[in-house]
């Protein structure tokens, strides 16, 4: 996995989503349904990086991340097994 590739792919999705948003009105001024899913930096970049840690650093006891995460202030708290990351 290449971090640069992940961030570039996220940036492309981000640009496509918000460009679509700028062109957003259809006939009679109604909003068109979004065709591109809203990009999510946590899901698209951070979690794939964290999910490689168990293979790269097995001695630290990491496991794959779960959907069990929450915002605390401006930060995410993500669990990777018993280890709290983020």
PDB file of N, CA and C in Angstrom:
ATOM      1  N   UNK A   1       0.845  -1.176   0.000  1.00  0.00           N
ATOM      2  CA  UNK A   1       0.000   0.000   0.000  1.00  0.00           C
ATOM      3  C   UNK A   1       0.892   1.243   0.000  1.00  0.00           C
ATOM      4  N   UNK A   2       0.499   2.194  -0.770  1.00  0.00           N
ATOM      5  CA  UNK A   2       1.246   3.440  -0.911  1.00  0.00           C
ATOM      6  C   UNK A   2       0.390   4.585  -0.362  1.00  0.00           C
ATOM      7  N   UNK A   3       0.896   5.276   0.642  1.00  0.00           N
ATOM      8  CA  UNK A   3       0.140   6.358   1.277  1.00  0.00           C
ATOM      9  C   UNK A   3      -0.156   7.467   0.281  1.00  0.00           C
ATOM     10  N   UNK A   4       0.810   7.772  -0.575  1.00  0.00           N
ATOM     11  CA  UNK A   4       0.598   8.809  -1.581  1.00  0.00           C
ATOM     12  C   UNK A   4      -0.550   8.429  -2.516  1.00  0.00           C
ATOM     13  N   UNK A   5      -0.589   7.161  -2.923  1.00  0.00           N
ATOM     14  CA  UNK A   5      -1.669   6.687  -3.798  1.00  0.00           C
ATOM     15  C   UNK A   5      -3.032   6.806  -3.111  1.00  0.00           C
ATOM     16  N   UNK A   6      -3.090   6.433  -1.829  1.00  0.00           N
ATOM     17  CA  UNK A   6      -4.352   6.543  -1.081  1.00  0.00           C
ATOM     18  C   UNK A   6      -4.823   7.994  -0.998  1.00  0.00           C
ATOM     19  N   UNK A   7      -3.906   8.896  -0.686  1.00  0.00           N
ATOM     20  CA  UNK A   7      -4.307  10.299  -0.547  1.00  0.00           C
ATOM     21  C   UNK A   7      -4.683  10.915  -1.891  1.00  0.00           C
ATOM     22  N   UNK A   8      -3.989  10.518  -2.969  1.00  0.00           N
ATOM     23  CA  UNK A   8      -4.353  11.032  -4.296  1.00  0.00           C
ATOM     24  C   UNK A   8      -5.723  10.523  -4.729  1.00  0.00           C
ATOM     25  N   UNK A   9      -6.004   9.255  -4.456  1.00  0.00           N
ATOM     26  CA  UNK A   9      -7.317   8.695  -4.791  1.00  0.00           C
ATOM     27  C   UNK A   9      -8.415   9.412  -4.000  1.00  0.00           C
ATOM     28  N   UNK A  10      -8.143   9.680  -2.710  1.00  0.00           N
ATOM     29  CA  UNK A  10      -9.099  10.425  -1.888  1.00  0.00           C
ATOM     30  C   UNK A  10      -9.313  11.829  -2.453  1.00  0.00           C
ATOM     31  N   UNK A  11      -8.225  12.498  -2.842  1.00  0.00           N
ATOM     32  CA  UNK A  11      -8.329  13.853  -3.391  1.00  0.00           C
ATOM     33  C   UNK A  11      -9.154  13.864  -4.674  1.00  0.00           C
ATOM     34  N   UNK A  12      -8.964  12.855  -5.528  1.00  0.00           N
ATOM     35  CA  UNK A  12      -9.752  12.757  -6.765  1.00  0.00           C
ATOM     36  C   UNK A  12     -11.238  12.602  -6.453  1.00  0.00           C
ATOM     37  N   UNK A  13     -11.567  11.735  -5.479  1.00  0.00           N
ATOM     38  CA  UNK A  13     -12.967  11.540  -5.091  1.00  0.00           C
ATOM     39  C   UNK A  13     -13.538  12.808  -4.463  1.00  0.00           C
ATOM     40  N   UNK A  14     -12.719  13.488  -3.654  1.00  0.00           N
ATOM     41  CA  UNK A  14     -13.131  14.732  -3.015  1.00  0.00           C
ATOM     42  C   UNK A  14     -13.466  15.776  -4.074  1.00  0.00           C
ATOM     43  N   UNK A  15     -12.559  15.950  -5.040  1.00  0.00           N
ATOM     44  CA  UNK A  15     -12.776  16.923  -6.115  1.00  0.00           C
ATOM     45  C   UNK A  15     -14.015  16.581  -6.933  1.00  0.00           C
ATOM     46  N   UNK A  16     -14.186  15.300  -7.275  1.00  0.00           N
ATOM     47  CA  UNK A  16     -15.344  14.884  -8.072  1.00  0.00           C
ATOM     48  C   UNK A  16     -16.643  15.149  -7.322  1.00  0.00           C
ATOM     49  N   UNK A  17     -16.640  14.863  -6.026  1.00  0.00           N
ATOM     50  CA  UNK A  17     -17.850  15.060  -5.225  1.00  0.00           C
ATOM     51  C   UNK A  17     -18.222  16.538  -5.142  1.00  0.00           C
ATOM     52  N   UNK A  18     -17.262  17.387  -4.830  1.00  0.00           N
ATOM     53  CA  UNK A  18     -17.581  18.795  -4.634  1.00  0.00           C
ATOM     54  C   UNK A  18     -17.730  19.562  -5.945  1.00  0.00           C
ATOM     55  N   UNK A  19     -17.133  19.085  -7.022  1.00  0.00           N
ATOM     56  CA  UNK A  19     -17.396  19.660  -8.333  1.00  0.00           C
ATOM     57  C   UNK A  19     -18.838  19.366  -8.727  1.00  0.00           C
ATOM     58  N   UNK A  20     -19.271  18.153  -8.440  1.00  0.00           N
ATOM     59  CA  UNK A  20     -20.660  17.762  -8.683  1.00  0.00           C
ATOM     60  C   UNK A  20     -21.595  18.632  -7.852  1.00  0.00           C
ATOM     61  N   UNK A  21     -21.179  18.940  -6.625  1.00  0.00           N
ATOM     62  CA  UNK A  21     -21.985  19.770  -5.737  1.00  0.00           C
ATOM     63  C   UNK A  21     -22.114  21.197  -6.281  1.00  0.00           C
ATOM     64  N   UNK A  22     -21.041  21.719  -6.879  1.00  0.00           N
ATOM     65  CA  UNK A  22     -21.082  23.066  -7.449  1.00  0.00           C
ATOM     66  C   UNK A  22     -22.017  23.151  -8.643  1.00  0.00           C
ATOM     67  N   UNK A  23     -22.133  22.066  -9.380  1.00  0.00           N
ATOM     68  CA  UNK A  23     -23.000  22.028 -10.555  1.00  0.00           C
ATOM     69  C   UNK A  23     -24.381  21.502 -10.186  1.00  0.00           C
ATOM     70  N   UNK A  24     -24.733  21.609  -8.920  1.00  0.00           N
ATOM     71  CA  UNK A  24     -25.808  20.870  -8.312  1.00  0.00           C
ATOM     72  C   UNK A  24     -27.251  21.048  -8.674  1.00  0.00           C
ATOM     73  N   UNK A  25     -27.679  22.046  -9.389  1.00  0.00           N
ATOM     74  CA  UNK A  25     -29.117  22.171  -9.590  1.00  0.00           C
ATOM     75  C   UNK A  25     -29.544  21.560 -10.911  1.00  0.00           C
ATOM     76  N   UNK A  26     -30.676  20.920 -10.881  1.00  0.00           N
ATOM     77  CA  UNK A  26     -31.245  20.318 -12.085  1.00  0.00           C
ATOM     78  C   UNK A  26     -32.344  21.205 -12.633  1.00  0.00           C
ATOM     79  N   UNK A  27     -33.319  20.584 -13.278  1.00  0.00           N
ATOM     80  CA  UNK A  27     -34.438  21.356 -13.826  1.00  0.00           C
ATOM     81  C   UNK A  27     -35.231  22.023 -12.707  1.00  0.00           C
ATOM     82  N   UNK A  28     -35.753  23.167 -13.006  1.00  0.00           N
ATOM     83  CA  UNK A  28     -36.601  23.927 -12.076  1.00  0.00           C
ATOM     84  C   UNK A  28     -35.893  24.237 -10.755  1.00  0.00           C
ATOM     85  N   UNK A  29     -34.564  24.303 -10.777  1.00  0.00           N
ATOM     86  CA  UNK A  29     -33.813  24.692  -9.590  1.00  0.00           C
ATOM     87  C   UNK A  29     -33.736  23.638  -8.507  1.00  0.00           C
ATOM     88  N   UNK A  30     -34.177  22.418  -8.790  1.00  0.00           N
ATOM     89  CA  UNK A  30     -34.115  21.360  -7.770  1.00  0.00           C
ATOM     90  C   UNK A  30     -32.714  20.772  -7.716  1.00  0.00           C
ATOM     91  N   UNK A  31     -32.352  20.335  -6.533  1.00  0.00           N
ATOM     92  CA  UNK A  31     -31.051  19.689  -6.364  1.00  0.00           C
ATOM     93  C   UNK A  31     -31.088  18.310  -7.010  1.00  0.00           C
ATOM     94  N   UNK A  32     -30.015  17.983  -7.741  1.00  0.00           N
ATOM     95  CA  UNK A  32     -29.897  16.649  -8.316  1.00  0.00           C
ATOM     96  C   UNK A  32     -29.384  15.696  -7.262  1.00  0.00           C
ATOM     97  N   UNK A  33     -29.749  14.431  -7.430  1.00  0.00           N
ATOM     98  CA  UNK A  33     -29.242  13.406  -6.532  1.00  0.00           C
ATOM     99  C   UNK A  33     -27.747  13.222  -6.785  1.00  0.00           C
ATOM    100  N   UNK A  34     -26.985  13.075  -5.724  1.00  0.00           N
ATOM    101  CA  UNK A  34     -25.538  12.938  -5.850  1.00  0.00           C
ATOM    102  C   UNK A  34     -25.192  11.583  -6.455  1.00  0.00           C
ATOM    103  N   UNK A  35     -24.291  11.612  -7.437  1.00  0.00           N
ATOM    104  CA  UNK A  35     -23.864  10.392  -8.099  1.00  0.00           C
ATOM    105  C   UNK A  35     -22.589   9.831  -7.482  1.00  0.00           C
ATOM    106  N   UNK A  36     -21.777  10.690  -6.891  1.00  0.00           N
ATOM    107  CA  UNK A  36     -20.513  10.271  -6.285  1.00  0.00           C
ATOM    108  C   UNK A  36     -20.688  10.278  -4.777  1.00  0.00           C
ATOM    109  N   UNK A  37     -20.341   9.160  -4.131  1.00  0.00           N
ATOM    110  CA  UNK A  37     -20.457   9.055  -2.673  1.00  0.00           C
ATOM    111  C   UNK A  37     -19.527  10.063  -2.001  1.00  0.00           C
ATOM    112  N   UNK A  38     -19.976  10.626  -0.900  1.00  0.00           N
ATOM    113  CA  UNK A  38     -19.165  11.589  -0.157  1.00  0.00           C
ATOM    114  C   UNK A  38     -17.879  10.920   0.318  1.00  0.00           C
ATOM    115  N   UNK A  39     -16.715  11.499   0.017  1.00  0.00           N
ATOM    116  CA  UNK A  39     -15.457  10.904   0.458  1.00  0.00           C
ATOM    117  C   UNK A  39     -15.303  11.011   1.973  1.00  0.00           C
ATOM    118  N   UNK A  40     -14.618  10.044   2.542  1.00  0.00           N
ATOM    119  CA  UNK A  40     -14.417   9.988   3.980  1.00  0.00           C
ATOM    120  C   UNK A  40     -12.936   9.695   4.231  1.00  0.00           C
ATOM    121  N   UNK A  41     -12.180  10.667   4.737  1.00  0.00           N
ATOM    122  CA  UNK A  41     -10.732  10.517   4.918  1.00  0.00           C
ATOM    123  C   UNK A  41     -10.401   9.368   5.863  1.00  0.00           C
ATOM    124  N   UNK A  42     -11.183   9.212   6.907  1.00  0.00           N
ATOM    125  CA  UNK A  42     -10.942   8.133   7.859  1.00  0.00           C
ATOM    126  C   UNK A  42     -11.058   6.777   7.172  1.00  0.00           C
ATOM    127  N   UNK A  43     -12.153   6.585   6.434  1.00  0.00           N
ATOM    128  CA  UNK A  43     -12.407   5.297   5.783  1.00  0.00           C
ATOM    129  C   UNK A  43     -11.480   5.064   4.591  1.00  0.00           C
ATOM    130  N   UNK A  44     -11.183   6.110   3.835  1.00  0.00           N
ATOM    131  CA  UNK A  44     -10.429   5.961   2.593  1.00  0.00           C
ATOM    132  C   UNK A  44      -8.914   5.981   2.767  1.00  0.00           C
ATOM    133  N   UNK A  45      -8.411   6.598   3.836  1.00  0.00           N
ATOM    134  CA  UNK A  45      -6.957   6.733   3.992  1.00  0.00           C
ATOM    135  C   UNK A  45      -6.464   6.172   5.331  1.00  0.00           C
ATOM    136  N   UNK A  46      -7.002   6.670   6.433  1.00  0.00           N
ATOM    137  CA  UNK A  46      -6.475   6.318   7.758  1.00  0.00           C
ATOM    138  C   UNK A  46      -6.645   4.834   8.074  1.00  0.00           C
ATOM    139  N   UNK A  47      -7.865   4.311   7.925  1.00  0.00           N
ATOM    140  CA  UNK A  47      -8.092   2.906   8.279  1.00  0.00           C
ATOM    141  C   UNK A  47      -7.306   1.928   7.415  1.00  0.00           C
ATOM    142  N   UNK A  48      -7.174   2.137   6.089  1.00  0.00           N
ATOM    143  CA  UNK A  48      -6.318   1.217   5.324  1.00  0.00           C
ATOM    144  C   UNK A  48      -4.863   1.214   5.806  1.00  0.00           C
ATOM    145  N   UNK A  49      -4.370   2.373   6.232  1.00  0.00           N
ATOM    146  CA  UNK A  49      -3.003   2.424   6.764  1.00  0.00           C
ATOM    147  C   UNK A  49      -2.922   1.637   8.066  1.00  0.00           C
ATOM    148  N   UNK A  50      -3.872   1.869   8.968  1.00  0.00           N
ATOM    149  CA  UNK A  50      -3.865   1.157  10.251  1.00  0.00           C
ATOM    150  C   UNK A  50      -4.051  -0.346  10.069  1.00  0.00           C
ATOM    151  N   UNK A  51      -4.806  -0.748   9.046  1.00  0.00           N
ATOM    152  CA  UNK A  51      -5.051  -2.172   8.818  1.00  0.00           C
ATOM    153  C   UNK A  51      -3.816  -2.910   8.303  1.00  0.00           C
ATOM    154  N   UNK A  52      -2.793  -2.193   7.855  1.00  0.00           N
ATOM    155  CA  UNK A  52      -1.549  -2.850   7.445  1.00  0.00           C
ATOM    156  C   UNK A  52      -0.603  -3.073   8.621  1.00  0.00           C
ATOM    157  N   UNK A  53      -0.838  -2.410   9.743  1.00  0.00           N
ATOM    158  CA  UNK A  53       0.061  -2.532  10.897  1.00  0.00           C
ATOM    159  C   UNK A  53       0.188  -3.956  11.439  1.00  0.00           C
ATOM    160  N   UNK A  54      -0.891  -4.756  11.520  1.00  0.00           N
ATOM    161  CA  UNK A  54      -0.718  -6.116  12.043  1.00  0.00           C
ATOM    162  C   UNK A  54       0.286  -6.942  11.238  1.00  0.00           C
ATOM    163  N   UNK A  55       0.329  -6.746   9.912  1.00  0.00           N
ATOM    164  CA  UNK A  55       1.272  -7.498   9.086  1.00  0.00           C
ATOM    165  C   UNK A  55       2.689  -6.934   9.189  1.00  0.00           C
ATOM    166  N   UNK A  56       2.797  -5.619   9.287  1.00  0.00           N
ATOM    167  CA  UNK A  56       4.116  -4.987   9.319  1.00  0.00           C
ATOM    168  C   UNK A  56       4.779  -5.045  10.691  1.00  0.00           C
ATOM    169  N   UNK A  57       3.974  -4.998  11.755  1.00  0.00           N
ATOM    170  CA  UNK A  57       4.506  -4.965  13.123  1.00  0.00           C
ATOM    171  C   UNK A  57       3.812  -6.008  14.001  1.00  0.00           C
ATOM    172  N   UNK A  58       3.978  -7.298  13.704  1.00  0.00           N
ATOM    173  CA  UNK A  58       3.248  -8.319  14.470  1.00  0.00           C
ATOM    174  C   UNK A  58       3.626  -8.365  15.950  1.00  0.00           C
ATOM    175  N   UNK A  59       4.838  -7.930  16.287  1.00  0.00           N
ATOM    176  CA  UNK A  59       5.278  -7.989  17.684  1.00  0.00           C
ATOM    177  C   UNK A  59       4.540  -7.013  18.596  1.00  0.00           C
ATOM    178  N   UNK A  60       3.812  -6.055  18.027  1.00  0.00           N
ATOM    179  CA  UNK A  60       3.094  -5.069  18.832  1.00  0.00           C
ATOM    180  C   UNK A  60       1.658  -5.473  19.143  1.00  0.00           C
ATOM    181  N   UNK A  61       1.164  -6.551  18.559  1.00  0.00           N
ATOM    182  CA  UNK A  61      -0.168  -7.048  18.891  1.00  0.00           C
ATOM    183  C   UNK A  61      -1.320  -6.280  18.274  1.00  0.00           C
ATOM    184  N   UNK A  62      -1.090  -5.555  17.192  1.00  0.00           N
ATOM    185  CA  UNK A  62      -2.184  -4.864  16.509  1.00  0.00           C
ATOM    186  C   UNK A  62      -3.106  -5.871  15.839  1.00  0.00           C
ATOM    187  N   UNK A  63      -4.375  -5.529  15.737  1.00  0.00           N
ATOM    188  CA  UNK A  63      -5.319  -6.281  14.913  1.00  0.00           C
ATOM    189  C   UNK A  63      -5.970  -5.283  13.965  1.00  0.00           C
ATOM    190  N   UNK A  64      -6.729  -5.788  13.007  1.00  0.00           N
ATOM    191  CA  UNK A  64      -7.407  -4.901  12.056  1.00  0.00           C
ATOM    192  C   UNK A  64      -8.379  -3.997  12.811  1.00  0.00           C
ATOM    193  N   UNK A  65      -8.590  -2.800  12.287  1.00  0.00           N
ATOM    194  CA  UNK A  65      -9.513  -1.860  12.922  1.00  0.00           C
ATOM    195  C   UNK A  65     -10.946  -2.331  12.741  1.00  0.00           C
ATOM    196  N   UNK A  66     -11.810  -1.825  13.588  1.00  0.00           N
ATOM    197  CA  UNK A  66     -13.232  -2.154  13.500  1.00  0.00           C
ATOM    198  C   UNK A  66     -14.003  -0.865  13.251  1.00  0.00           C
ATOM    199  N   UNK A  67     -15.302  -0.986  13.116  1.00  0.00           N
ATOM    200  CA  UNK A  67     -16.135   0.203  12.948  1.00  0.00           C
ATOM    201  C   UNK A  67     -16.404   0.891  14.279  1.00  0.00           C
ATOM    202  N   UNK A  68     -15.745   0.436  15.338  1.00  0.00           N
ATOM    203  CA  UNK A  68     -15.931   0.982  16.676  1.00  0.00           C
ATOM    204  C   UNK A  68     -14.960   2.150  16.886  1.00  0.00           C
ATOM    205  N   UNK A  69     -15.366   3.335  16.445  1.00  0.00           N
ATOM    206  CA  UNK A  69     -14.549   4.520  16.648  1.00  0.00           C
ATOM    207  C   UNK A  69     -15.470   5.693  16.925  1.00  0.00           C
ATOM    208  N   UNK A  70     -14.918   6.731  17.521  1.00  0.00           N
ATOM    209  CA  UNK A  70     -15.739   7.886  17.879  1.00  0.00           C
ATOM    210  C   UNK A  70     -14.886   9.145  17.836  1.00  0.00           C
ATOM    211  N   UNK A  71     -15.548  10.269  17.684  1.00  0.00           N
ATOM    212  CA  UNK A  71     -14.864  11.559  17.722  1.00  0.00           C
ATOM    213  C   UNK A  71     -14.763  12.018  19.173  1.00  0.00           C
ATOM    214  N   UNK A  72     -13.592  12.485  19.549  1.00  0.00           N
ATOM    215  CA  UNK A  72     -13.376  13.105  20.848  1.00  0.00           C
ATOM    216  C   UNK A  72     -12.721  14.446  20.574  1.00  0.00           C
ATOM    217  N   UNK A  73     -13.505  15.501  20.627  1.00  0.00           N
ATOM    218  CA  UNK A  73     -12.995  16.815  20.240  1.00  0.00           C
ATOM    219  C   UNK A  73     -12.724  16.826  18.750  1.00  0.00           C
ATOM    220  N   UNK A  74     -11.481  17.085  18.387  1.00  0.00           N
ATOM    221  CA  UNK A  74     -11.096  17.114  16.975  1.00  0.00           C
ATOM    222  C   UNK A  74     -10.433  15.816  16.536  1.00  0.00           C
ATOM    223  N   UNK A  75     -10.407  14.799  17.391  1.00  0.00           N
ATOM    224  CA  UNK A  75      -9.657  13.584  17.114  1.00  0.00           C
ATOM    225  C   UNK A  75     -10.567  12.364  17.076  1.00  0.00           C
ATOM    226  N   UNK A  76     -10.160  11.372  16.281  1.00  0.00           N
ATOM    227  CA  UNK A  76     -10.819  10.067  16.277  1.00  0.00           C
ATOM    228  C   UNK A  76     -10.103   9.160  17.258  1.00  0.00           C
ATOM    229  N   UNK A  77     -10.869   8.327  17.943  1.00  0.00           N
ATOM    230  CA  UNK A  77     -10.287   7.259  18.754  1.00  0.00           C
ATOM    231  C   UNK A  77     -10.672   5.961  18.072  1.00  0.00           C
ATOM    232  N   UNK A  78      -9.685   5.235  17.587  1.00  0.00           N
ATOM    233  CA  UNK A  78      -9.906   4.014  16.825  1.00  0.00           C
ATOM    234  C   UNK A  78      -9.260   2.863  17.572  1.00  0.00           C
ATOM    235  N   UNK A  79     -10.002   1.759  17.724  1.00  0.00           N
ATOM    236  CA  UNK A  79      -9.450   0.584  18.382  1.00  0.00           C
ATOM    237  C   UNK A  79      -8.923  -0.385  17.338  1.00  0.00           C
ATOM    238  N   UNK A  80      -7.732  -0.907  17.586  1.00  0.00           N
ATOM    239  CA  UNK A  80      -7.133  -1.955  16.762  1.00  0.00           C
ATOM    240  C   UNK A  80      -6.835  -3.105  17.712  1.00  0.00           C
ATOM    241  N   UNK A  81      -7.854  -3.901  17.987  1.00  0.00           N
ATOM    242  CA  UNK A  81      -7.739  -4.926  19.023  1.00  0.00           C
ATOM    243  C   UNK A  81      -7.863  -4.251  20.369  1.00  0.00           C
ATOM    244  N   UNK A  82      -6.924  -4.533  21.268  1.00  0.00           N
ATOM    245  CA  UNK A  82      -6.966  -3.880  22.581  1.00  0.00           C
ATOM    246  C   UNK A  82      -6.192  -2.569  22.578  1.00  0.00           C
ATOM    247  N   UNK A  83      -5.541  -2.279  21.468  1.00  0.00           N
ATOM    248  CA  UNK A  83      -4.738  -1.061  21.355  1.00  0.00           C
ATOM    249  C   UNK A  83      -5.613   0.086  20.864  1.00  0.00           C
ATOM    250  N   UNK A  84      -5.552   1.207  21.549  1.00  0.00           N
ATOM    251  CA  UNK A  84      -6.284   2.402  21.138  1.00  0.00           C
ATOM    252  C   UNK A  84      -5.357   3.256  20.287  1.00  0.00           C
ATOM    253  N   UNK A  85      -5.772   3.531  19.061  1.00  0.00           N
ATOM    254  CA  UNK A  85      -4.953   4.286  18.111  1.00  0.00           C
ATOM    255  C   UNK A  85      -5.668   5.576  17.802  1.00  0.00           C
ATOM    256  N   UNK A  86      -4.912   6.650  17.587  1.00  0.00           N
ATOM    257  CA  UNK A  86      -5.534   7.888  17.114  1.00  0.00           C
ATOM    258  C   UNK A  86      -5.713   8.918  18.170  1.00  0.00           C
TER     259      UNK A  86
END
